[in-house]
C-alpha atoms as a PDB file:
ATOM      1  CA  MET A   1     -11.386  38.983 -47.776  1.00  0.00           C
ATOM      2  CA  VAL A   2      -9.879  35.953 -49.481  1.00  0.00           C
ATOM      3  CA  ASP A   3     -11.134  33.873 -52.399  1.00  0.00           C
ATOM      4  CA  PHE A   4     -11.004  30.626 -50.445  1.00  0.00           C
ATOM      5  CA  PHE A   5     -10.325  29.689 -46.836  1.00  0.00           C
ATOM      6  CA  LYS A   6     -10.229  26.542 -44.732  1.00  0.00           C
ATOM      7  CA  PRO A   7     -11.679  23.873 -45.488  1.00  0.00           C
ATOM      8  CA  PHE A   8     -11.212  24.541 -49.216  1.00  0.00           C
ATOM      9  CA  TRP A   9      -7.595  23.335 -49.245  1.00  0.00           C
ATOM     10  CA  SER A  10      -7.790  21.930 -52.773  1.00  0.00           C
ATOM     11  CA  SER A  11      -7.718  25.448 -54.226  1.00  0.00           C
ATOM     12  CA  GLY A  12      -4.112  25.680 -52.955  1.00  0.00           C
ATOM     13  CA  GLY A  13      -2.138  28.899 -53.295  1.00  0.00           C
ATOM     14  CA  ILE A  14      -3.356  31.614 -50.978  1.00  0.00           C
ATOM     15  CA  THR A  15      -5.773  29.408 -49.005  1.00  0.00           C
ATOM     16  CA  PRO A  16      -3.267  27.793 -46.603  1.00  0.00           C
ATOM     17  CA  VAL A  17      -1.215  30.997 -46.430  1.00  0.00           C
ATOM     18  CA  ALA A  18      -4.256  33.072 -45.427  1.00  0.00           C
ATOM     19  CA  TYR A  19      -5.242  30.478 -42.841  1.00  0.00           C
ATOM     20  CA  HIS A  20      -1.799  30.343 -41.218  1.00  0.00           C
ATOM     21  CA  VAL A  21      -1.435  34.140 -41.128  1.00  0.00           C
ATOM     22  CA  ALA A  22      -4.907  34.542 -39.606  1.00  0.00           C
ATOM     23  CA  ARG A  23      -4.276  31.738 -37.108  1.00  0.00           C
ATOM     24  CA  GLY A  24      -0.902  33.235 -36.141  1.00  0.00           C
ATOM     25  CA  LEU A  25      -2.503  36.616 -35.470  1.00  0.00           C
ATOM     26  CA  ALA A  26      -5.220  34.959 -33.380  1.00  0.00           C
ATOM     27  CA  LEU A  27      -2.591  33.109 -31.321  1.00  0.00           C
ATOM     28  CA  LYS A  28      -0.949  36.469 -30.564  1.00  0.00           C
ATOM     29  CA  GLY A  29      -4.225  37.751 -29.135  1.00  0.00           C
ATOM     30  CA  HIS A  30      -5.718  39.598 -32.102  1.00  0.00           C
ATOM     31  CA  ASP A  31      -9.403  39.378 -32.964  1.00  0.00           C
ATOM     32  CA  VAL A  32      -9.406  38.011 -36.506  1.00  0.00           C
ATOM     33  CA  THR A  33     -12.415  38.019 -38.829  1.00  0.00           C
ATOM     34  CA  VAL A  34     -12.141  36.478 -42.291  1.00  0.00           C
ATOM     35  CA  PHE A  35     -14.592  36.954 -45.162  1.00  0.00           C
ATOM     36  CA  SER A  36     -14.395  34.283 -47.830  1.00  0.00           C
ATOM     37  CA  ASN A  37     -16.128  32.581 -50.715  1.00  0.00           C
ATOM     38  CA  GLY A  38     -18.190  29.607 -49.523  1.00  0.00           C
ATOM     39  CA  ASP A  39     -18.498  27.902 -52.891  1.00  0.00           C
ATOM     40  CA  GLY A  40     -15.090  26.347 -53.316  1.00  0.00           C
ATOM     41  CA  ARG A  41     -13.938  23.981 -55.999  1.00  0.00           C
ATOM     42  CA  ASP A  42     -13.917  21.205 -53.409  1.00  0.00           C
ATOM     43  CA  THR A  43     -17.626  20.406 -53.432  1.00  0.00           C
ATOM     44  CA  SER A  44     -17.280  17.857 -50.626  1.00  0.00           C
ATOM     45  CA  ALA A  45     -16.581  20.671 -48.139  1.00  0.00           C
ATOM     46  CA  LYS A  46     -19.825  22.179 -46.891  1.00  0.00           C
ATOM     47  CA  VAL A  47     -19.902  25.408 -44.896  1.00  0.00           C
ATOM     48  CA  GLU A  48     -22.704  27.516 -43.516  1.00  0.00           C
ATOM     49  CA  LYS A  49     -23.077  30.663 -45.590  1.00  0.00           C
ATOM     50  CA  ASN A  50     -23.747  34.296 -44.654  1.00  0.00           C
ATOM     51  CA  ARG A  51     -23.232  33.582 -40.928  1.00  0.00           C
ATOM     52  CA  ALA A  52     -20.315  33.673 -38.560  1.00  0.00           C
ATOM     53  CA  THR A  53     -18.557  30.417 -37.799  1.00  0.00           C
ATOM     54  CA  ALA A  54     -15.978  30.202 -35.067  1.00  0.00           C
ATOM     55  CA  GLY A  55     -13.017  27.879 -34.836  1.00  0.00           C
ATOM     56  CA  ASP A  56      -9.260  27.935 -34.271  1.00  0.00           C
ATOM     57  CA  GLY A  57      -9.645  31.329 -32.588  1.00  0.00           C
ATOM     58  CA  LEU A  58     -11.020  32.856 -35.808  1.00  0.00           C
ATOM     59  CA  THR A  59     -14.377  34.213 -36.875  1.00  0.00           C
ATOM     60  CA  VAL A  60     -15.048  33.243 -40.481  1.00  0.00           C
ATOM     61  CA  TYR A  61     -17.890  34.277 -42.762  1.00  0.00           C
ATOM     62  CA  TYR A  62     -18.462  32.255 -45.920  1.00  0.00           C
ATOM     63  CA  PHE A  63     -20.588  33.677 -48.715  1.00  0.00           C
ATOM     64  CA  GLY A  64     -22.438  32.087 -51.591  1.00  0.00           C
ATOM     65  CA  ASN A  65     -22.167  33.261 -55.166  1.00  0.00           C
ATOM     66  CA  LEU A  66     -24.882  35.108 -57.018  1.00  0.00           C
ATOM     67  CA  CYS A  67     -24.295  33.053 -60.159  1.00  0.00           C
ATOM     68  CA  PRO A  68     -22.922  29.489 -59.661  1.00  0.00           C
ATOM     69  CA  PRO A  69     -22.245  28.982 -63.408  1.00  0.00           C
ATOM     70  CA  LEU A  70     -19.881  31.968 -63.326  1.00  0.00           C
ATOM     71  CA  ALA A  71     -18.235  30.599 -60.190  1.00  0.00           C
ATOM     72  CA  ARG A  72     -17.328  27.448 -62.109  1.00  0.00           C
ATOM     73  CA  ARG A  73     -15.388  29.772 -64.444  1.00  0.00           C
ATOM     74  CA  ASN A  74     -13.616  31.381 -61.449  1.00  0.00           C
ATOM     75  CA  ILE A  75     -15.742  34.544 -61.584  1.00  0.00           C
ATOM     76  CA  TYR A  76     -17.099  35.135 -58.093  1.00  0.00           C
ATOM     77  CA  ASN A  77     -19.831  37.509 -57.005  1.00  0.00           C
ATOM     78  CA  THR A  78     -20.255  37.197 -53.262  1.00  0.00           C
ATOM     79  CA  TYR A  79     -23.124  39.645 -53.161  1.00  0.00           C
ATOM     80  CA  MET A  80     -23.932  39.399 -49.416  1.00  0.00           C
ATOM     81  CA  VAL A  81     -20.511  40.603 -48.206  1.00  0.00           C
ATOM     82  CA  PRO A  82     -21.403  44.316 -47.824  1.00  0.00           C
ATOM     83  CA  PHE A  83     -24.578  43.588 -45.872  1.00  0.00           C
ATOM     84  CA  VAL A  84     -23.057  41.068 -43.463  1.00  0.00           C
ATOM     85  CA  ALA A  85     -19.737  42.894 -43.043  1.00  0.00           C
ATOM     86  CA  ARG A  86     -21.522  46.104 -42.164  1.00  0.00           C
ATOM     87  CA  LYS A  87     -23.288  44.349 -39.275  1.00  0.00           C
ATOM     88  CA  ALA A  88     -20.217  42.363 -38.192  1.00  0.00           C
ATOM     89  CA  LEU A  89     -17.819  45.269 -38.095  1.00  0.00           C
END
């Protein structure tokens, strides 16, 4: 579970690191599933939420926030994670 993941590169910091670690593990043959916030600061990037997306050998789930005004203050509540993760894992 990471705050942001590809394509939300503008958040910087952990986003590219998490992507490269996950991609490296996938290249070595591991099954990698990433759970991430789907409401990044980069509003031009649109991702499908609460569903699996596949790409670069990774399975990524993006989740929406319960309260978008709090998300603008960097307080995230990705309320669907437990329900989707339970089915996915």
